[in-house]
Amino acid sequence: MGDDEQQQPMSALSLDVTLPCEVRYLPVFNRLAERTVDYTGYDKAVREEMLRVVEAAVRRVFDSEDYQKVCLRLATTDSDLLIRIRCFRAATVERPMSIEQLLSEAEADETPLDCLRQVMNTVTLGCEEGEDGADFCELSKALPEAL
């Protein structure tokens, strides 16, 4: 099936990928997000906005030197597309900046966090408890109605 062909929305999806937090891996994450949004059946305008804001947020994480690896989870429920970005700090990195602070730094006239909040239905940021203490950004967007 070609990249330009419209597909029926998926009824269930769960994909977990963990890669080193190096800019050279950013295209892998972007492509996974792109294919997932395509398969879930969003119209072109919604698709482009979602990809723009998610890619900007992930790029901010990859551009920082705070994280050793990043885990991306893409999943669907009966009603939503869920995106969870987990960022694991290198053992040598203290906690100088949270993911919320990182995404709140302005680029041009707006921050990646503001953009996420405008496009996605929910945006949750935080730090997991425990030894790993991964920073996370959870996003959701209502799935389009079935074609």
Protein backbone atom coordinates (compact mmCIF):
# COMPACT_ATOMS: atom_id res chain seq x y z
CA MET A 1 0.00 0.00 0.00
CA GLY A 2 1.40 3.40 -0.95
CA ASP A 3 1.98 6.25 1.46
CA ASP A 4 -0.71 8.35 -0.24
CA GLU A 5 -3.52 5.81 0.12
CA GLN A 6 -6.19 6.44 2.78
CA GLN A 7 -6.69 3.51 5.13
CA GLN A 8 -9.53 2.48 7.36
CA PRO A 9 -8.95 3.53 10.98
CA MET A 10 -7.39 0.87 13.18
CA SER A 11 -9.53 -0.64 15.90
CA ALA A 12 -6.60 -1.36 18.23
CA LEU A 13 -2.95 -0.39 18.30
CA SER A 14 -0.16 -0.64 20.83
CA LEU A 15 3.43 0.08 19.92
CA ASP A 16 6.36 0.65 22.27
CA VAL A 17 9.77 1.76 21.00
CA THR A 18 12.86 2.70 23.00
CA LEU A 19 15.85 4.32 21.34
CA PRO A 20 18.93 6.26 22.43
CA CYS A 21 18.20 9.97 22.85
CA GLU A 22 20.38 11.01 19.93
CA VAL A 23 19.23 13.38 17.20
CA ARG A 24 20.07 10.80 14.52
CA TYR A 25 17.17 8.65 15.82
CA LEU A 26 14.62 11.48 15.67
CA PRO A 27 13.44 10.50 12.15
CA VAL A 28 12.55 7.01 13.46
CA PHE A 29 10.25 8.49 16.11
CA ASN A 30 8.78 10.98 13.66
CA ARG A 31 8.04 8.26 11.11
CA LEU A 32 6.35 6.05 13.71
CA ALA A 33 4.16 8.94 14.82
CA GLU A 34 3.37 9.81 11.20
CA ARG A 35 2.36 6.26 10.28
CA THR A 36 0.26 5.88 13.43
CA VAL A 37 -1.63 9.11 12.78
CA ASP A 38 -2.16 8.03 9.17
CA TYR A 39 -3.51 4.61 10.18
CA THR A 40 -5.93 6.07 12.70
CA GLY A 41 -7.69 8.03 9.94
CA TYR A 42 -7.43 11.70 10.94
CA ASP A 43 -8.20 14.18 8.19
CA LYS A 44 -5.30 16.02 6.58
CA ALA A 45 -5.55 19.25 8.59
CA VAL A 46 -5.77 17.46 11.96
CA ARG A 47 -2.99 15.07 10.93
CA GLU A 48 -0.63 17.90 10.02
CA GLU A 49 -1.30 19.83 13.24
CA MET A 50 -0.84 16.75 15.43
CA LEU A 51 2.41 15.78 13.75
CA ARG A 52 3.74 19.34 13.89
CA VAL A 53 3.25 19.71 17.65
CA VAL A 54 4.34 16.18 18.59
CA GLU A 55 7.47 16.43 16.46
CA ALA A 56 8.33 19.82 18.00
CA ALA A 57 8.02 18.38 21.52
CA VAL A 58 10.06 15.28 20.72
CA ARG A 59 12.71 17.40 18.98
CA ARG A 60 13.06 19.54 22.13
CA VAL A 61 13.75 16.36 24.13
CA PHE A 62 16.25 15.07 21.57
CA ASP A 63 18.01 18.43 21.35
CA SER A 64 18.58 18.52 25.11
CA GLU A 65 21.55 16.69 26.56
CA ASP A 66 19.67 15.63 29.67
CA TYR A 67 18.35 12.27 28.48
CA GLN A 68 20.01 8.96 27.72
CA LYS A 69 17.08 7.17 26.09
CA VAL A 70 13.51 7.91 25.04
CA CYS A 71 10.56 5.52 24.96
CA LEU A 72 7.60 6.27 22.71
CA ARG A 73 4.29 4.49 23.22
CA LEU A 74 1.55 4.83 20.64
CA ALA A 75 -1.76 3.20 21.49
CA THR A 76 -5.46 3.47 20.83
CA THR A 77 -8.45 2.94 23.05
CA ASP A 78 -12.04 2.76 21.82
CA SER A 79 -12.12 6.55 21.66
CA ASP A 80 -8.59 8.03 21.75
CA LEU A 81 -5.10 7.93 20.34
CA LEU A 82 -2.63 7.93 23.22
CA ILE A 83 0.98 9.05 22.93
CA ARG A 84 3.33 8.61 25.88
CA ILE A 85 6.88 9.93 25.69
CA ARG A 86 9.14 8.68 28.51
CA CYS A 87 12.57 10.26 28.88
CA PHE A 88 15.29 8.58 30.93
CA ARG A 89 18.12 10.71 32.28
CA ALA A 90 21.73 9.68 31.99
CA ALA A 91 23.15 8.53 35.32
CA THR A 92 25.53 11.49 35.35
CA VAL A 93 22.79 14.08 34.83
CA GLU A 94 21.18 15.63 37.87
CA ARG A 95 17.70 17.08 37.54
CA PRO A 96 18.39 20.65 36.44
CA MET A 97 15.23 20.90 34.33
CA SER A 98 11.97 18.94 34.22
CA ILE A 99 10.29 17.98 30.97
CA GLU A 100 7.65 20.61 31.71
CA GLN A 101 10.34 23.29 31.98
CA LEU A 102 12.01 22.00 28.81
CA LEU A 103 8.75 22.15 26.82
CA SER A 104 7.88 25.55 28.32
CA GLU A 105 10.89 27.33 26.81
CA ALA A 106 9.65 29.65 24.06
CA GLU A 107 10.60 29.26 20.42
CA ALA A 108 9.54 32.25 18.37
CA ASP A 109 6.18 33.31 19.83
CA GLU A 110 5.04 30.09 21.49
CA THR A 111 6.27 27.12 23.48
CA PRO A 112 6.02 23.47 22.45
CA LEU A 113 3.83 22.93 25.53
CA ASP A 114 1.38 25.67 24.47
CA CYS A 115 1.16 24.12 21.00
CA LEU A 116 0.49 20.66 22.45
CA ARG A 117 -2.29 22.04 24.64
CA GLN A 118 -3.92 23.78 21.67
CA VAL A 119 -3.98 20.67 19.46
CA MET A 120 -4.30 17.66 21.77
CA ASN A 121 -7.30 16.91 24.01
CA THR A 122 -5.16 16.21 27.07
CA VAL A 123 -1.53 16.89 27.98
CA THR A 124 -0.06 15.47 31.19
CA LEU A 125 3.55 16.01 32.25
CA GLY A 126 5.41 14.62 35.21
CA CYS A 127 8.10 12.40 36.64
CA GLU A 128 7.60 8.75 37.53
CA GLU A 129 8.39 7.58 41.03
CA GLY A 130 11.16 5.10 41.62
CA GLU A 131 14.79 4.59 40.74
CA ASP A 132 14.40 5.20 37.01
CA GLY A 133 12.33 8.32 37.61
CA ALA A 134 11.58 8.86 33.93
CA ASP A 135 10.11 12.20 32.91
CA PHE A 136 6.97 11.75 30.84
CA CYS A 137 4.60 13.57 28.55
CA GLU A 138 1.22 11.90 27.92
CA LEU A 139 -0.98 13.12 25.11
CA SER A 140 -4.41 12.10 23.91
CA LYS A 141 -6.56 13.00 20.93
CA ALA A 142 -10.06 11.76 20.21
CA LEU A 143 -10.07 9.30 17.33
CA PRO A 144 -11.92 10.34 14.20
CA GLU A 145 -15.23 8.64 13.54
CA ALA A 146 -14.99 5.47 11.47
CA LEU A 147 -15.10 6.07 7.73
